[in-house]
Amino acid sequence: MDKRETPAGAGRRNSAVSGSGGSAGLNARLLAAMPVAGSDELAAMLDRVWPMGEFRVQQAPRAGLVMVTVLDPFGTPFHLGEVLVSDAEVDLDGCTGYGVVCGDQPEQALLLAAVAAAERSGRTDVLAAIGALLDPLEVKSAAQKALSSKLAAATAVRFESMKKECVDFGSLGG
């Protein structure tokens, strides 16, 4: 297992904003939809994305540890601990894409890298096909968020509807 030291948040830069010109585009959409997708769905998506272009694996998916460093309230770096991550690097038409995800998820890292490489290459045919594959995942994600919102709303306390009570502090013996 590789051991790399990276400040907190550095991994997010590589996976979330790997598009051309700082545009997050499809990579950000994929990152937002990944939590609701099962590993089978993501593996199937990778199987469909891979033949769309001449993707070449530059760095095979690998698991490693990243040191999470945060700043304490006084601005002093504090090593919070190590996090298991998976990363991969893919090339498409001379454009490199990098993907990193928390956990031992090699397929997810490879899929993120492929999407990042496609974004950087600007291949509209590949980008359109990937976007079409993301649409059902986004619908599923939106449905899950709506359900979570409804469940959370059911537990909300409405203070304005509570009966106003007067407490007589004189009865406390003071």
N, C-alpha and C. Protein backbone atom coordinates (compact mmCIF):
# COMPACT_ATOMS: atom_id res chain seq x y z
N MET A 1 0.85 -1.17 0.00
CA MET A 1 0.00 0.00 0.00
C MET A 1 0.89 1.23 0.00
N ASP A 2 0.56 2.20 -0.82
CA ASP A 2 1.32 3.43 -0.88
C ASP A 2 0.97 4.32 0.29
N LYS A 3 1.93 5.15 0.69
CA LYS A 3 1.67 6.11 1.75
C LYS A 3 2.08 7.48 1.25
N ARG A 4 1.09 8.38 1.14
CA ARG A 4 1.34 9.73 0.64
C ARG A 4 0.87 10.72 1.68
N GLU A 5 1.53 11.84 1.79
CA GLU A 5 1.10 12.88 2.73
C GLU A 5 0.56 14.05 1.94
N THR A 6 -0.69 14.41 2.23
CA THR A 6 -1.37 15.47 1.51
C THR A 6 -2.18 16.29 2.50
N PRO A 7 -2.16 17.61 2.39
CA PRO A 7 -3.02 18.42 3.26
C PRO A 7 -4.47 18.13 2.99
N ALA A 8 -5.31 18.31 4.00
CA ALA A 8 -6.75 18.07 3.86
C ALA A 8 -7.30 18.90 2.71
N GLY A 9 -8.11 18.28 1.87
CA GLY A 9 -8.74 18.98 0.77
C GLY A 9 -7.98 18.89 -0.52
N ALA A 10 -6.71 18.48 -0.51
CA ALA A 10 -5.94 18.44 -1.75
C ALA A 10 -6.49 17.40 -2.71
N GLY A 11 -6.96 16.27 -2.19
CA GLY A 11 -7.51 15.22 -3.05
C GLY A 11 -8.78 15.66 -3.75
N ARG A 12 -9.56 16.50 -3.07
CA ARG A 12 -10.80 16.97 -3.69
C ARG A 12 -10.52 17.81 -4.92
N ARG A 13 -9.44 18.57 -4.91
CA ARG A 13 -9.10 19.40 -6.05
C ARG A 13 -8.88 18.52 -7.29
N ASN A 14 -8.20 17.42 -7.12
CA ASN A 14 -7.86 16.57 -8.25
C ASN A 14 -9.08 15.89 -8.84
N SER A 15 -10.01 15.45 -8.01
CA SER A 15 -11.12 14.70 -8.55
C SER A 15 -12.30 15.58 -8.94
N ALA A 16 -12.50 16.68 -8.27
CA ALA A 16 -13.70 17.47 -8.53
C ALA A 16 -13.52 18.51 -9.62
N VAL A 17 -12.32 19.01 -9.81
CA VAL A 17 -12.13 20.08 -10.77
C VAL A 17 -11.05 19.67 -11.76
N SER A 18 -11.28 18.57 -12.43
CA SER A 18 -10.29 18.09 -13.39
C SER A 18 -10.64 18.46 -14.81
N GLY A 19 -11.70 19.22 -14.99
CA GLY A 19 -12.09 19.59 -16.35
C GLY A 19 -11.23 20.69 -16.90
N SER A 20 -11.46 21.02 -18.16
CA SER A 20 -10.66 22.08 -18.78
C SER A 20 -11.14 23.43 -18.29
N GLY A 21 -10.18 24.31 -18.02
CA GLY A 21 -10.51 25.67 -17.63
C GLY A 21 -11.19 25.80 -16.29
N GLY A 22 -11.03 24.82 -15.38
CA GLY A 22 -11.62 24.91 -14.05
C GLY A 22 -13.08 24.51 -14.02
N SER A 23 -13.65 24.15 -15.14
CA SER A 23 -15.04 23.75 -15.19
C SER A 23 -15.18 22.34 -14.63
N ALA A 24 -16.05 22.18 -13.64
CA ALA A 24 -16.20 20.88 -13.02
C ALA A 24 -17.07 19.95 -13.87
N GLY A 25 -18.11 20.44 -14.51
CA GLY A 25 -18.93 19.69 -15.44
C GLY A 25 -19.32 18.29 -15.04
N LEU A 26 -19.01 17.34 -15.91
CA LEU A 26 -19.42 15.95 -15.73
C LEU A 26 -18.78 15.33 -14.49
N ASN A 27 -17.55 15.70 -14.21
CA ASN A 27 -16.87 15.12 -13.06
C ASN A 27 -17.61 15.48 -11.77
N ALA A 28 -18.04 16.73 -11.65
CA ALA A 28 -18.80 17.16 -10.48
C ALA A 28 -20.15 16.46 -10.42
N ARG A 29 -20.79 16.29 -11.57
CA ARG A 29 -22.07 15.58 -11.61
C ARG A 29 -21.89 14.14 -11.15
N LEU A 30 -20.81 13.50 -11.61
CA LEU A 30 -20.54 12.12 -11.22
C LEU A 30 -20.27 12.03 -9.72
N LEU A 31 -19.47 12.94 -9.19
CA LEU A 31 -19.18 12.93 -7.76
C LEU A 31 -20.45 13.11 -6.93
N ALA A 32 -21.38 13.94 -7.41
CA ALA A 32 -22.63 14.17 -6.69
C ALA A 32 -23.55 12.95 -6.74
N ALA A 33 -23.48 12.18 -7.83
CA ALA A 33 -24.36 11.03 -8.00
C ALA A 33 -23.79 9.74 -7.42
N MET A 34 -22.48 9.69 -7.21
CA MET A 34 -21.84 8.45 -6.73
C MET A 34 -22.41 7.91 -5.41
N PRO A 35 -22.72 8.75 -4.43
CA PRO A 35 -23.19 8.19 -3.16
C PRO A 35 -24.45 7.35 -3.25
N VAL A 36 -25.33 7.62 -4.21
CA VAL A 36 -26.57 6.85 -4.31
C VAL A 36 -26.44 5.68 -5.28
N ALA A 37 -25.37 5.65 -6.06
CA ALA A 37 -25.18 4.58 -7.02
C ALA A 37 -24.53 3.39 -6.33
N GLY A 38 -24.99 2.22 -6.68
CA GLY A 38 -24.37 1.01 -6.17
C GLY A 38 -23.09 0.72 -6.93
N SER A 39 -22.25 -0.11 -6.35
CA SER A 39 -20.99 -0.44 -7.01
C SER A 39 -21.24 -1.16 -8.34
N ASP A 40 -22.33 -1.92 -8.43
CA ASP A 40 -22.68 -2.59 -9.69
C ASP A 40 -23.04 -1.58 -10.76
N GLU A 41 -23.78 -0.53 -10.38
CA GLU A 41 -24.15 0.51 -11.34
C GLU A 41 -22.93 1.25 -11.85
N LEU A 42 -22.00 1.56 -10.95
CA LEU A 42 -20.80 2.28 -11.35
C LEU A 42 -19.89 1.40 -12.21
N ALA A 43 -19.81 0.12 -11.89
CA ALA A 43 -19.00 -0.81 -12.71
C ALA A 43 -19.61 -0.93 -14.11
N ALA A 44 -20.94 -0.99 -14.18
CA ALA A 44 -21.61 -1.06 -15.49
C ALA A 44 -21.39 0.23 -16.28
N MET A 45 -21.39 1.36 -15.59
CA MET A 45 -21.14 2.64 -16.26
C MET A 45 -19.72 2.68 -16.80
N LEU A 46 -18.76 2.20 -16.01
CA LEU A 46 -17.37 2.14 -16.47
C LEU A 46 -17.25 1.25 -17.70
N ASP A 47 -17.96 0.12 -17.69
CA ASP A 47 -17.94 -0.79 -18.84
C ASP A 47 -18.50 -0.13 -20.10
N ARG A 48 -19.46 0.79 -19.93
CA ARG A 48 -20.03 1.48 -21.09
C ARG A 48 -19.18 2.66 -21.54
N VAL A 49 -18.52 3.32 -20.58
CA VAL A 49 -17.70 4.49 -20.92
C VAL A 49 -16.42 4.07 -21.63
N TRP A 50 -15.80 3.00 -21.17
CA TRP A 50 -14.47 2.63 -21.66
C TRP A 50 -14.40 2.46 -23.18
N PRO A 51 -15.36 1.79 -23.83
CA PRO A 51 -15.26 1.62 -25.29
C PRO A 51 -15.56 2.88 -26.10
N MET A 52 -16.01 3.96 -25.46
CA MET A 52 -16.37 5.18 -26.18
C MET A 52 -15.17 5.91 -26.75
N GLY A 53 -14.01 5.69 -26.21
CA GLY A 53 -12.81 6.36 -26.68
C GLY A 53 -11.61 5.45 -26.51
N GLU A 54 -10.47 5.94 -26.91
CA GLU A 54 -9.25 5.15 -26.77
C GLU A 54 -8.59 5.50 -25.43
N PHE A 55 -9.25 5.08 -24.35
CA PHE A 55 -8.73 5.33 -23.02
C PHE A 55 -7.53 4.42 -22.76
N ARG A 56 -6.50 4.98 -22.15
CA ARG A 56 -5.33 4.20 -21.76
C ARG A 56 -5.06 4.46 -20.29
N VAL A 57 -4.86 3.39 -19.55
CA VAL A 57 -4.58 3.52 -18.12
C VAL A 57 -3.11 3.90 -17.95
N GLN A 58 -2.87 5.07 -17.39
CA GLN A 58 -1.50 5.52 -17.11
C GLN A 58 -1.04 4.99 -15.76
N GLN A 59 -1.93 5.02 -14.79
CA GLN A 59 -1.66 4.47 -13.46
C GLN A 59 -2.87 3.65 -13.06
N ALA A 60 -2.66 2.34 -12.93
CA ALA A 60 -3.76 1.45 -12.55
C ALA A 60 -4.30 1.86 -11.18
N PRO A 61 -5.58 1.59 -10.94
CA PRO A 61 -6.15 1.93 -9.63
C PRO A 61 -5.34 1.26 -8.52
N ARG A 62 -5.09 2.05 -7.49
CA ARG A 62 -4.33 1.53 -6.36
C ARG A 62 -4.88 2.15 -5.09
N ALA A 63 -4.73 1.40 -4.02
CA ALA A 63 -5.16 1.90 -2.72
C ALA A 63 -3.95 2.50 -2.02
N GLY A 64 -4.18 3.53 -1.26
CA GLY A 64 -3.10 4.17 -0.52
C GLY A 64 -3.65 4.92 0.67
N LEU A 65 -2.76 5.40 1.48
CA LEU A 65 -3.14 6.18 2.65
C LEU A 65 -2.74 7.62 2.44
N VAL A 66 -3.63 8.53 2.81
CA VAL A 66 -3.36 9.96 2.72
C VAL A 66 -3.48 10.53 4.13
N MET A 67 -2.47 11.25 4.56
CA MET A 67 -2.51 11.90 5.86
C MET A 67 -3.41 13.13 5.78
N VAL A 68 -4.38 13.18 6.65
CA VAL A 68 -5.28 14.33 6.70
C VAL A 68 -4.72 15.31 7.72
N THR A 69 -4.34 16.47 7.23
CA THR A 69 -3.79 17.52 8.08
C THR A 69 -4.78 18.67 8.14
N VAL A 70 -5.14 19.07 9.34
CA VAL A 70 -6.07 20.18 9.53
C VAL A 70 -5.38 21.24 10.39
N LEU A 71 -5.94 22.41 10.41
CA LEU A 71 -5.42 23.47 11.26
C LEU A 71 -6.26 23.55 12.52
N ASP A 72 -5.60 23.62 13.67
CA ASP A 72 -6.34 23.78 14.92
C ASP A 72 -6.77 25.25 15.05
N PRO A 73 -7.52 25.59 16.08
CA PRO A 73 -8.00 26.98 16.19
C PRO A 73 -6.91 28.04 16.25
N PHE A 74 -5.66 27.62 16.55
CA PHE A 74 -4.57 28.57 16.64
C PHE A 74 -3.73 28.62 15.37
N GLY A 75 -4.17 27.90 14.32
CA GLY A 75 -3.47 27.91 13.05
C GLY A 75 -2.31 26.93 12.98
N THR A 76 -2.19 26.05 13.93
CA THR A 76 -1.12 25.06 13.96
C THR A 76 -1.59 23.80 13.24
N PRO A 77 -0.78 23.27 12.31
CA PRO A 77 -1.17 22.02 11.63
C PRO A 77 -1.29 20.86 12.61
N PHE A 78 -2.33 20.08 12.43
CA PHE A 78 -2.57 18.91 13.28
C PHE A 78 -2.85 17.73 12.36
N HIS A 79 -2.12 16.64 12.53
CA HIS A 79 -2.33 15.45 11.71
C HIS A 79 -3.47 14.64 12.32
N LEU A 80 -4.62 14.75 11.69
CA LEU A 80 -5.83 14.12 12.19
C LEU A 80 -5.76 12.60 12.10
N GLY A 81 -5.17 12.10 11.04
CA GLY A 81 -5.06 10.65 10.84
C GLY A 81 -4.95 10.34 9.37
N GLU A 82 -4.90 9.07 9.07
CA GLU A 82 -4.78 8.63 7.69
C GLU A 82 -6.13 8.16 7.16
N VAL A 83 -6.34 8.40 5.89
CA VAL A 83 -7.58 7.99 5.22
C VAL A 83 -7.21 7.09 4.06
N LEU A 84 -7.92 5.98 3.93
CA LEU A 84 -7.71 5.07 2.81
C LEU A 84 -8.35 5.68 1.57
N VAL A 85 -7.60 5.78 0.48
CA VAL A 85 -8.12 6.30 -0.78
C VAL A 85 -7.72 5.37 -1.92
N SER A 86 -8.45 5.47 -3.01
CA SER A 86 -8.10 4.79 -4.26
C SER A 86 -7.90 5.86 -5.30
N ASP A 87 -6.84 5.71 -6.10
CA ASP A 87 -6.61 6.68 -7.16
C ASP A 87 -6.23 5.97 -8.44
N ALA A 88 -6.45 6.67 -9.56
CA ALA A 88 -6.13 6.13 -10.88
C ALA A 88 -5.86 7.30 -11.82
N GLU A 89 -5.14 7.00 -12.90
CA GLU A 89 -4.82 8.01 -13.90
C GLU A 89 -5.07 7.40 -15.28
N VAL A 90 -5.80 8.15 -16.11
CA VAL A 90 -6.21 7.67 -17.43
C VAL A 90 -5.89 8.72 -18.48
N ASP A 91 -5.56 8.27 -19.68
CA ASP A 91 -5.25 9.16 -20.79
C ASP A 91 -6.26 8.95 -21.90
N LEU A 92 -6.71 10.04 -22.51
CA LEU A 92 -7.58 10.00 -23.69
C LEU A 92 -7.11 11.09 -24.64
N ASP A 93 -6.67 10.70 -25.81
CA ASP A 93 -6.20 11.65 -26.82
C ASP A 93 -5.13 12.60 -26.28
N GLY A 94 -4.21 12.07 -25.47
CA GLY A 94 -3.13 12.88 -24.94
C GLY A 94 -3.51 13.74 -23.75
N CYS A 95 -4.74 13.64 -23.28
CA CYS A 95 -5.20 14.40 -22.13
C CYS A 95 -5.33 13.47 -20.94
N THR A 96 -4.72 13.85 -19.84
CA THR A 96 -4.71 13.00 -18.66
C THR A 96 -5.82 13.38 -17.70
N GLY A 97 -6.47 12.37 -17.14
CA GLY A 97 -7.47 12.58 -16.11
C GLY A 97 -7.07 11.81 -14.87
N TYR A 98 -7.33 12.39 -13.72
CA TYR A 98 -6.96 11.78 -12.45
C TYR A 98 -8.20 11.66 -11.59
N GLY A 99 -8.37 10.52 -10.94
CA GLY A 99 -9.51 10.32 -10.06
C GLY A 99 -9.07 9.76 -8.73
N VAL A 100 -9.61 10.28 -7.66
CA VAL A 100 -9.32 9.78 -6.32
C VAL A 100 -10.61 9.79 -5.51
N VAL A 101 -10.85 8.69 -4.79
CA VAL A 101 -12.04 8.57 -3.95
C VAL A 101 -11.63 7.97 -2.61
N CYS A 102 -12.40 8.25 -1.59
CA CYS A 102 -12.15 7.65 -0.29
C CYS A 102 -12.55 6.18 -0.32
N GLY A 103 -11.76 5.35 0.34
CA GLY A 103 -12.06 3.94 0.46
C GLY A 103 -11.38 3.11 -0.61
N ASP A 104 -11.57 1.82 -0.52
CA ASP A 104 -11.01 0.89 -1.50
C ASP A 104 -12.02 0.71 -2.62
N GLN A 105 -12.04 1.66 -3.56
CA GLN A 105 -13.01 1.70 -4.64
C GLN A 105 -12.29 1.88 -5.98
N PRO A 106 -11.59 0.87 -6.47
CA PRO A 106 -10.80 1.05 -7.69
C PRO A 106 -11.63 1.41 -8.93
N GLU A 107 -12.83 0.83 -9.05
CA GLU A 107 -13.66 1.13 -10.22
C GLU A 107 -14.11 2.59 -10.22
N GLN A 108 -14.45 3.10 -9.03
CA GLN A 108 -14.88 4.49 -8.94
C GLN A 108 -13.74 5.44 -9.30
N ALA A 109 -12.53 5.13 -8.83
CA ALA A 109 -11.37 5.98 -9.15
C ALA A 109 -11.10 5.96 -10.64
N LEU A 110 -11.19 4.78 -11.26
CA LEU A 110 -10.96 4.66 -12.70
C LEU A 110 -12.03 5.40 -13.49
N LEU A 111 -13.28 5.32 -13.06
CA LEU A 111 -14.37 6.02 -13.73
C LEU A 111 -14.18 7.54 -13.63
N LEU A 112 -13.83 8.03 -12.44
CA LEU A 112 -13.57 9.46 -12.28
C LEU A 112 -12.43 9.92 -13.18
N ALA A 113 -11.38 9.12 -13.25
CA ALA A 113 -10.23 9.47 -14.09
C ALA A 113 -10.63 9.50 -15.57
N ALA A 114 -11.43 8.54 -16.00
CA ALA A 114 -11.87 8.49 -17.40
C ALA A 114 -12.74 9.71 -17.73
N VAL A 115 -13.63 10.08 -16.83
CA VAL A 115 -14.49 11.24 -17.07
C VAL A 115 -13.65 12.52 -17.10
N ALA A 116 -12.66 12.63 -16.20
CA ALA A 116 -11.79 13.81 -16.19
C ALA A 116 -10.98 13.89 -17.48
N ALA A 117 -10.49 12.76 -17.98
CA ALA A 117 -9.74 12.75 -19.23
C ALA A 117 -10.64 13.15 -20.40
N ALA A 118 -11.88 12.67 -20.39
CA ALA A 118 -12.82 13.03 -21.45
C ALA A 118 -13.12 14.52 -21.42
N GLU A 119 -13.28 15.09 -20.24
CA GLU A 119 -13.53 16.53 -20.13
C GLU A 119 -12.35 17.33 -20.66
N ARG A 120 -11.17 16.92 -20.29
CA ARG A 120 -9.97 17.65 -20.74
C ARG A 120 -9.76 17.53 -22.24
N SER A 121 -10.13 16.37 -22.81
CA SER A 121 -9.93 16.18 -24.25
C SER A 121 -10.92 16.99 -25.07
N GLY A 122 -12.08 17.29 -24.48
CA GLY A 122 -13.09 18.07 -25.20
C GLY A 122 -13.85 17.26 -26.24
N ARG A 123 -13.76 15.95 -26.19
CA ARG A 123 -14.47 15.10 -27.15
C ARG A 123 -15.97 15.15 -26.86
N THR A 124 -16.68 15.92 -27.67
CA THR A 124 -18.11 16.13 -27.41
C THR A 124 -18.92 14.85 -27.53
N ASP A 125 -18.54 13.94 -28.41
CA ASP A 125 -19.29 12.69 -28.54
C ASP A 125 -19.20 11.86 -27.26
N VAL A 126 -18.02 11.77 -26.69
CA VAL A 126 -17.82 11.01 -25.45
C VAL A 126 -18.50 11.73 -24.29
N LEU A 127 -18.37 13.05 -24.24
CA LEU A 127 -18.98 13.82 -23.16
C LEU A 127 -20.50 13.70 -23.18
N ALA A 128 -21.09 13.74 -24.37
CA ALA A 128 -22.55 13.62 -24.48
C ALA A 128 -23.02 12.24 -24.02
N ALA A 129 -22.28 11.21 -24.40
CA ALA A 129 -22.65 9.85 -24.00
C ALA A 129 -22.52 9.67 -22.48
N ILE A 130 -21.47 10.22 -21.91
CA ILE A 130 -21.30 10.13 -20.45
C ILE A 130 -22.42 10.89 -19.75
N GLY A 131 -22.76 12.06 -20.27
CA GLY A 131 -23.86 12.84 -19.69
C GLY A 131 -25.17 12.06 -19.71
N ALA A 132 -25.42 11.34 -20.79
CA ALA A 132 -26.64 10.54 -20.88
C ALA A 132 -26.62 9.40 -19.86
N LEU A 133 -25.44 8.84 -19.60
CA LEU A 133 -25.33 7.78 -18.59
C LEU A 133 -25.53 8.32 -17.18
N LEU A 134 -25.18 9.58 -16.98
CA LEU A 134 -25.33 10.19 -15.65
C LEU A 134 -26.77 10.58 -15.32
N ASP A 135 -27.57 10.84 -16.34
CA ASP A 135 -28.94 11.31 -16.11
C ASP A 135 -29.75 10.41 -15.16
N PRO A 136 -29.79 9.07 -15.37
CA PRO A 136 -30.56 8.23 -14.44
C PRO A 136 -30.02 8.27 -13.01
N LEU A 137 -28.69 8.38 -12.87
CA LEU A 137 -28.11 8.47 -11.53
C LEU A 137 -28.52 9.77 -10.84
N GLU A 138 -28.59 10.85 -11.62
CA GLU A 138 -29.01 12.13 -11.04
C GLU A 138 -30.47 12.12 -10.63
N VAL A 139 -31.31 11.42 -11.39
CA VAL A 139 -32.73 11.29 -11.02
C VAL A 139 -32.83 10.51 -9.71
N LYS A 140 -32.07 9.44 -9.61
CA LYS A 140 -32.05 8.65 -8.38
C LYS A 140 -31.54 9.47 -7.20
N SER A 141 -30.51 10.27 -7.43
CA SER A 141 -29.95 11.13 -6.38
C SER A 141 -30.97 12.17 -5.93
N ALA A 142 -31.67 12.78 -6.88
CA ALA A 142 -32.68 13.79 -6.54
C ALA A 142 -33.82 13.17 -5.74
N ALA A 143 -34.23 11.95 -6.11
CA ALA A 143 -35.29 11.27 -5.37
C ALA A 143 -34.85 10.96 -3.95
N GLN A 144 -33.60 10.54 -3.79
CA GLN A 144 -33.07 10.24 -2.46
C GLN A 144 -33.00 11.51 -1.61
N LYS A 145 -32.57 12.62 -2.22
CA LYS A 145 -32.50 13.89 -1.48
C LYS A 145 -33.90 14.36 -1.07
N ALA A 146 -34.87 14.19 -1.96
CA ALA A 146 -36.25 14.60 -1.64
C ALA A 146 -36.79 13.77 -0.48
N LEU A 147 -36.52 12.47 -0.49
CA LEU A 147 -36.97 11.60 0.59
C LEU A 147 -36.30 12.00 1.90
N SER A 148 -35.01 12.26 1.86
CA SER A 148 -34.29 12.69 3.07
C SER A 148 -34.85 13.99 3.60
N SER A 149 -35.18 14.92 2.70
CA SER A 149 -35.76 16.20 3.12
C SER A 149 -37.11 16.00 3.79
N LYS A 150 -37.93 15.11 3.23
CA LYS A 150 -39.24 14.84 3.82
C LYS A 150 -39.10 14.22 5.20
N LEU A 151 -38.16 13.29 5.34
CA LEU A 151 -37.95 12.65 6.64
C LEU A 151 -37.44 13.65 7.67
N ALA A 152 -36.56 14.53 7.25
CA ALA A 152 -36.03 15.55 8.16
C ALA A 152 -37.12 16.56 8.52
N ALA A 153 -37.97 16.92 7.56
CA ALA A 153 -39.03 17.90 7.81
C ALA A 153 -40.03 17.36 8.84
N ALA A 154 -40.21 16.05 8.87
CA ALA A 154 -41.16 15.46 9.81
C ALA A 154 -40.69 15.62 11.25
N THR A 155 -39.40 15.83 11.44
CA THR A 155 -38.87 15.97 12.80
C THR A 155 -38.68 17.43 13.21
N ALA A 156 -39.03 18.36 12.34
CA ALA A 156 -38.82 19.79 12.63
C ALA A 156 -39.72 20.25 13.77
N VAL A 157 -39.18 21.10 14.61
CA VAL A 157 -39.95 21.70 15.69
C VAL A 157 -40.39 23.08 15.25
N ARG A 158 -41.67 23.34 15.35
CA ARG A 158 -42.23 24.62 14.95
C ARG A 158 -42.49 25.43 16.22
N PHE A 159 -41.53 26.23 16.59
CA PHE A 159 -41.62 26.97 17.85
C PHE A 159 -42.75 27.97 17.86
N GLU A 160 -43.05 28.57 16.71
CA GLU A 160 -44.11 29.57 16.68
C GLU A 160 -45.47 28.96 16.96
N SER A 161 -45.62 27.65 16.82
CA SER A 161 -46.91 27.02 17.06
C SER A 161 -47.03 26.47 18.47
N MET A 162 -45.95 26.54 19.24
CA MET A 162 -46.01 26.05 20.62
C MET A 162 -46.73 27.07 21.50
N LYS A 163 -47.48 26.58 22.47
CA LYS A 163 -48.23 27.46 23.37
C LYS A 163 -47.24 28.22 24.25
N LYS A 164 -47.46 29.51 24.36
CA LYS A 164 -46.60 30.33 25.21
C LYS A 164 -46.94 30.04 26.66
N GLU A 165 -45.89 29.82 27.42
CA GLU A 165 -46.08 29.52 28.84
C GLU A 165 -45.38 30.60 29.66
N CYS A 166 -45.95 30.90 30.79
CA CYS A 166 -45.32 31.83 31.72
C CYS A 166 -44.80 31.02 32.89
N VAL A 167 -43.56 31.24 33.24
CA VAL A 167 -42.96 30.54 34.36
C VAL A 167 -42.87 31.53 35.52
N ASP A 168 -43.36 31.10 36.68
CA ASP A 168 -43.32 31.94 37.87
C ASP A 168 -42.04 31.60 38.63
N PHE A 169 -41.01 32.44 38.43
CA PHE A 169 -39.74 32.17 39.09
C PHE A 169 -39.79 32.49 40.58
N GLY A 170 -40.83 33.21 41.02
CA GLY A 170 -40.96 33.51 42.46
C GLY A 170 -41.23 32.25 43.28
N SER A 171 -41.76 31.24 42.66
CA SER A 171 -42.07 30.02 43.38
C SER A 171 -40.84 29.15 43.63
N LEU A 172 -39.67 29.61 43.13
CA LEU A 172 -38.45 28.84 43.31
C LEU A 172 -37.78 29.16 44.66
N GLY A 173 -38.38 30.00 45.44
CA GLY A 173 -37.85 30.32 46.77
C GLY A 173 -36.88 31.47 46.77
N GLY A 174 -36.88 32.28 45.76
CA GLY A 174 -35.90 33.35 45.67
C GLY A 174 -36.38 34.68 45.92
